[in-house]
Amino acid sequence: MSRPGIRQALLKPDYAHLYPGIPANEWYPAAVMTDLVLSLRLRSLHRVPLTRERALNDAHFEFRGVSSAAANAAIREDRQEERRRRTTEE
């Protein structure tokens, strides 16, 4: 499932044993994957690798799509461009 504008994450098969219950090789919205990983951490801290920087370790997950910040910036730019066009047409 590919949804434009939605950041997605996929658990790499080599690391699936570290994340029991999360299927490998399946794309999920990154927010959903983050919730799944954080839920595992709460239930079993010793089995899930902890990282300080991000909930989803770049070595364990692949990503596609636009990050939320980039998507918001693109939406903001589109709105600004639309306002400019309206102003020019008036």
Protein backbone atom coordinates (compact mmCIF):
# COMPACT_ATOMS: atom_id res chain seq x y z
CA MET A 1 0.00 0.00 0.00
CA SER A 2 1.56 3.27 -1.07
CA ARG A 3 -0.11 6.46 0.09
CA PRO A 4 1.39 9.68 -1.22
CA GLY A 5 2.22 12.17 1.48
CA ILE A 6 2.32 9.50 4.21
CA ARG A 7 5.68 8.50 5.66
CA GLN A 8 5.91 4.71 5.79
CA ALA A 9 8.22 2.26 7.57
CA LEU A 10 9.10 -1.37 6.93
CA LEU A 11 10.83 -3.71 9.40
CA LYS A 12 13.82 -5.40 7.76
CA PRO A 13 13.65 -9.21 8.02
CA ASP A 14 17.12 -9.46 9.60
CA TYR A 15 15.83 -7.58 12.65
CA ALA A 16 12.36 -9.11 12.95
CA HIS A 17 13.45 -11.25 15.92
CA LEU A 18 14.02 -8.03 17.89
CA TYR A 19 10.42 -6.92 17.35
CA PRO A 20 8.13 -9.89 18.10
CA GLY A 21 4.64 -9.40 16.78
CA ILE A 22 5.61 -6.84 14.14
CA PRO A 23 5.60 -8.38 10.66
CA ALA A 24 8.73 -7.87 8.56
CA ASN A 25 8.58 -6.76 4.91
CA GLU A 26 5.24 -4.98 5.30
CA TRP A 27 4.81 -1.23 4.88
CA TYR A 28 2.93 0.62 7.62
CA PRO A 29 2.45 4.33 8.23
CA ALA A 30 5.51 5.37 10.24
CA ALA A 31 3.27 6.66 13.04
CA VAL A 32 1.65 3.22 13.36
CA MET A 33 5.04 1.48 13.32
CA THR A 34 6.30 3.86 16.01
CA ASP A 35 3.29 3.03 18.18
CA LEU A 36 3.95 -0.70 17.72
CA VAL A 37 7.62 -0.35 18.66
CA LEU A 38 6.90 1.84 21.67
CA SER A 39 4.26 -0.64 22.83
CA LEU A 40 6.87 -3.42 22.68
CA ARG A 41 9.28 -1.31 24.67
CA LEU A 42 6.72 -0.75 27.39
CA ARG A 43 5.95 -4.46 27.65
CA SER A 44 9.48 -5.83 27.37
CA LEU A 45 12.34 -3.34 27.57
CA HIS A 46 15.09 -5.92 27.51
CA ARG A 47 14.13 -7.41 24.12
CA VAL A 48 13.66 -4.28 22.03
CA PRO A 49 16.72 -2.18 21.25
CA LEU A 50 16.49 1.31 22.68
CA THR A 51 17.79 4.31 20.78
CA ARG A 52 18.00 7.84 22.09
CA GLU A 53 17.44 9.60 18.80
CA ARG A 54 14.44 7.86 17.26
CA ALA A 55 11.89 5.21 18.08
CA LEU A 56 12.55 3.53 14.72
CA ASN A 57 16.22 2.64 14.29
CA ASP A 58 17.40 3.42 10.73
CA ALA A 59 19.41 0.20 10.67
CA HIS A 60 16.31 -1.90 11.46
CA PHE A 61 13.71 -0.13 9.32
CA GLU A 62 13.37 1.16 5.77
CA PHE A 63 11.42 4.31 5.06
CA ARG A 64 9.57 5.78 2.11
CA GLY A 65 7.36 8.73 1.51
CA VAL A 66 7.55 12.26 2.78
CA SER A 67 8.30 12.98 6.40
CA SER A 68 5.57 14.83 8.25
CA ALA A 69 7.66 17.99 8.43
CA ALA A 70 8.35 17.88 4.68
CA ALA A 71 4.71 17.16 3.90
CA ASN A 72 3.61 20.11 6.03
CA ALA A 73 6.16 22.36 4.33
CA ALA A 74 4.91 21.26 0.90
CA ILE A 75 1.30 21.98 1.90
CA ARG A 76 2.30 25.38 3.27
CA GLU A 77 4.14 26.22 0.03
CA ASP A 78 1.13 25.18 -2.06
CA ARG A 79 -1.15 27.44 -0.01
CA GLN A 80 1.25 30.36 -0.31
CA GLU A 81 1.46 29.86 -4.07
CA GLU A 82 -2.34 29.76 -4.31
CA ARG A 83 -2.59 33.03 -2.34
CA ARG A 84 -0.05 34.65 -4.66
CA ARG A 85 -2.03 33.55 -7.71
CA ARG A 86 -5.27 34.93 -6.25
CA THR A 87 -3.61 38.21 -5.39
CA THR A 88 -2.18 38.51 -8.90
CA GLU A 89 -5.55 37.73 -10.52
CA GLU A 90 -7.39 40.42 -8.51
